[in-house]
């Protein structure tokens, strides 16, 4: 009932007599559909790379290839924390 009010699809109640492999396959299918629905959300890798180059922290299009994929979110988060800190200090 609540899911219908929120406009989300109904989920069938779990069947305790269902074979474990079939139950797992259905769970994986629900997970796949959830990921597919969220695909349009978030920032693309290209946007992240351009943003990091525009931050003015010494990363340019010439040397951004040296960064690993895992380092990109950490760099973004650190820069956002630095900006938040500077804004807080200025407001004091």
Protein backbone atom coordinates (compact mmCIF):
# COMPACT_ATOMS: atom_id res chain seq x y z
CA UNK A 1 0.00 0.00 0.00
CA UNK A 2 2.76 2.46 0.94
CA UNK A 3 4.76 1.64 -2.18
CA UNK A 4 1.69 2.35 -4.33
CA UNK A 5 1.21 5.73 -2.65
CA UNK A 6 4.83 6.61 -3.43
CA UNK A 7 4.40 5.56 -7.05
CA UNK A 8 6.78 2.60 -6.81
CA UNK A 9 6.17 -0.85 -8.23
CA UNK A 10 4.61 -3.52 -6.09
CA UNK A 11 6.91 -6.24 -4.75
CA UNK A 12 5.46 -9.68 -4.51
CA UNK A 13 5.62 -11.22 -1.03
CA UNK A 14 8.38 -13.79 -0.58
CA UNK A 15 7.32 -17.36 -1.15
CA UNK A 16 8.83 -19.62 1.54
CA UNK A 17 8.33 -22.69 -0.67
CA UNK A 18 10.45 -21.23 -3.48
CA UNK A 19 13.68 -22.98 -4.37
CA UNK A 20 16.74 -21.08 -3.01
CA UNK A 21 18.30 -20.70 -6.46
CA UNK A 22 15.12 -19.21 -7.90
CA UNK A 23 14.80 -16.89 -4.90
CA UNK A 24 18.40 -15.74 -5.46
CA UNK A 25 17.80 -15.19 -9.18
CA UNK A 26 14.73 -13.06 -8.42
CA UNK A 27 16.70 -11.02 -5.88
CA UNK A 28 19.47 -10.44 -8.43
CA UNK A 29 16.89 -9.38 -11.03
CA UNK A 30 15.38 -6.86 -8.57
CA UNK A 31 18.88 -5.54 -7.83
CA UNK A 32 19.61 -5.23 -11.57
CA UNK A 33 16.36 -3.34 -12.12
CA UNK A 34 17.15 -1.02 -9.20
CA UNK A 35 20.60 -0.24 -10.63
CA UNK A 36 19.10 0.30 -14.08
CA UNK A 37 16.57 2.78 -12.67
CA UNK A 38 19.34 4.76 -10.96
CA UNK A 39 21.57 4.79 -14.03
CA UNK A 40 20.51 8.28 -15.12
CA UNK A 41 21.30 9.74 -11.71
CA UNK A 42 24.65 11.01 -10.52
CA UNK A 43 27.64 12.62 -12.14
CA UNK A 44 29.34 11.04 -15.12
CA UNK A 45 33.04 10.28 -15.16
CA UNK A 46 33.65 12.93 -17.81
CA UNK A 47 32.01 15.61 -15.66
CA UNK A 48 34.07 14.53 -12.66
CA UNK A 49 37.31 14.73 -14.65
CA UNK A 50 36.50 18.20 -15.98
CA UNK A 51 35.53 19.37 -12.48
CA UNK A 52 38.79 18.16 -10.99
CA UNK A 53 40.76 19.93 -13.72
CA UNK A 54 38.88 23.19 -13.00
CA UNK A 55 39.51 23.11 -9.23
CA UNK A 56 42.88 24.80 -9.47
CA UNK A 57 44.72 22.21 -7.38
CA UNK A 58 47.41 21.46 -9.93
CA UNK A 59 45.61 18.75 -11.86
CA UNK A 60 45.37 19.51 -15.55
CA UNK A 61 44.11 17.59 -18.58
CA UNK A 62 47.74 16.67 -19.23
CA UNK A 63 48.31 14.88 -15.92
CA UNK A 64 44.82 13.68 -14.96
CA UNK A 65 45.54 10.35 -16.64
CA UNK A 66 47.99 9.57 -13.85
CA UNK A 67 45.17 9.44 -11.27
CA UNK A 68 43.40 6.17 -10.56
CA UNK A 69 39.65 5.82 -10.84
CA UNK A 70 39.40 5.18 -7.09
CA UNK A 71 41.21 8.43 -6.29
CA UNK A 72 38.68 10.66 -8.08
CA UNK A 73 35.87 10.52 -5.46
CA UNK A 74 38.41 11.01 -2.67
CA UNK A 75 39.83 14.10 -4.37
CA UNK A 76 36.33 15.51 -4.90
CA UNK A 77 35.33 14.86 -1.27
CA UNK A 78 38.54 16.38 0.09
CA UNK A 79 38.13 19.47 -2.06
CA UNK A 80 34.50 19.88 -0.97
CA UNK A 81 35.53 19.54 2.69
CA UNK A 82 38.24 22.18 2.15
CA UNK A 83 35.74 24.56 0.53
CA UNK A 84 33.25 24.01 3.36
CA UNK A 85 35.97 24.71 5.93
CA UNK A 86 36.99 27.93 4.16
CA UNK A 87 33.39 29.11 3.99
CA UNK A 88 32.89 28.34 7.69
CA UNK A 89 36.06 30.28 8.60
CA UNK A 90 34.98 33.26 6.48
CA UNK A 91 31.55 33.29 8.11
CA UNK A 92 33.10 33.47 11.56
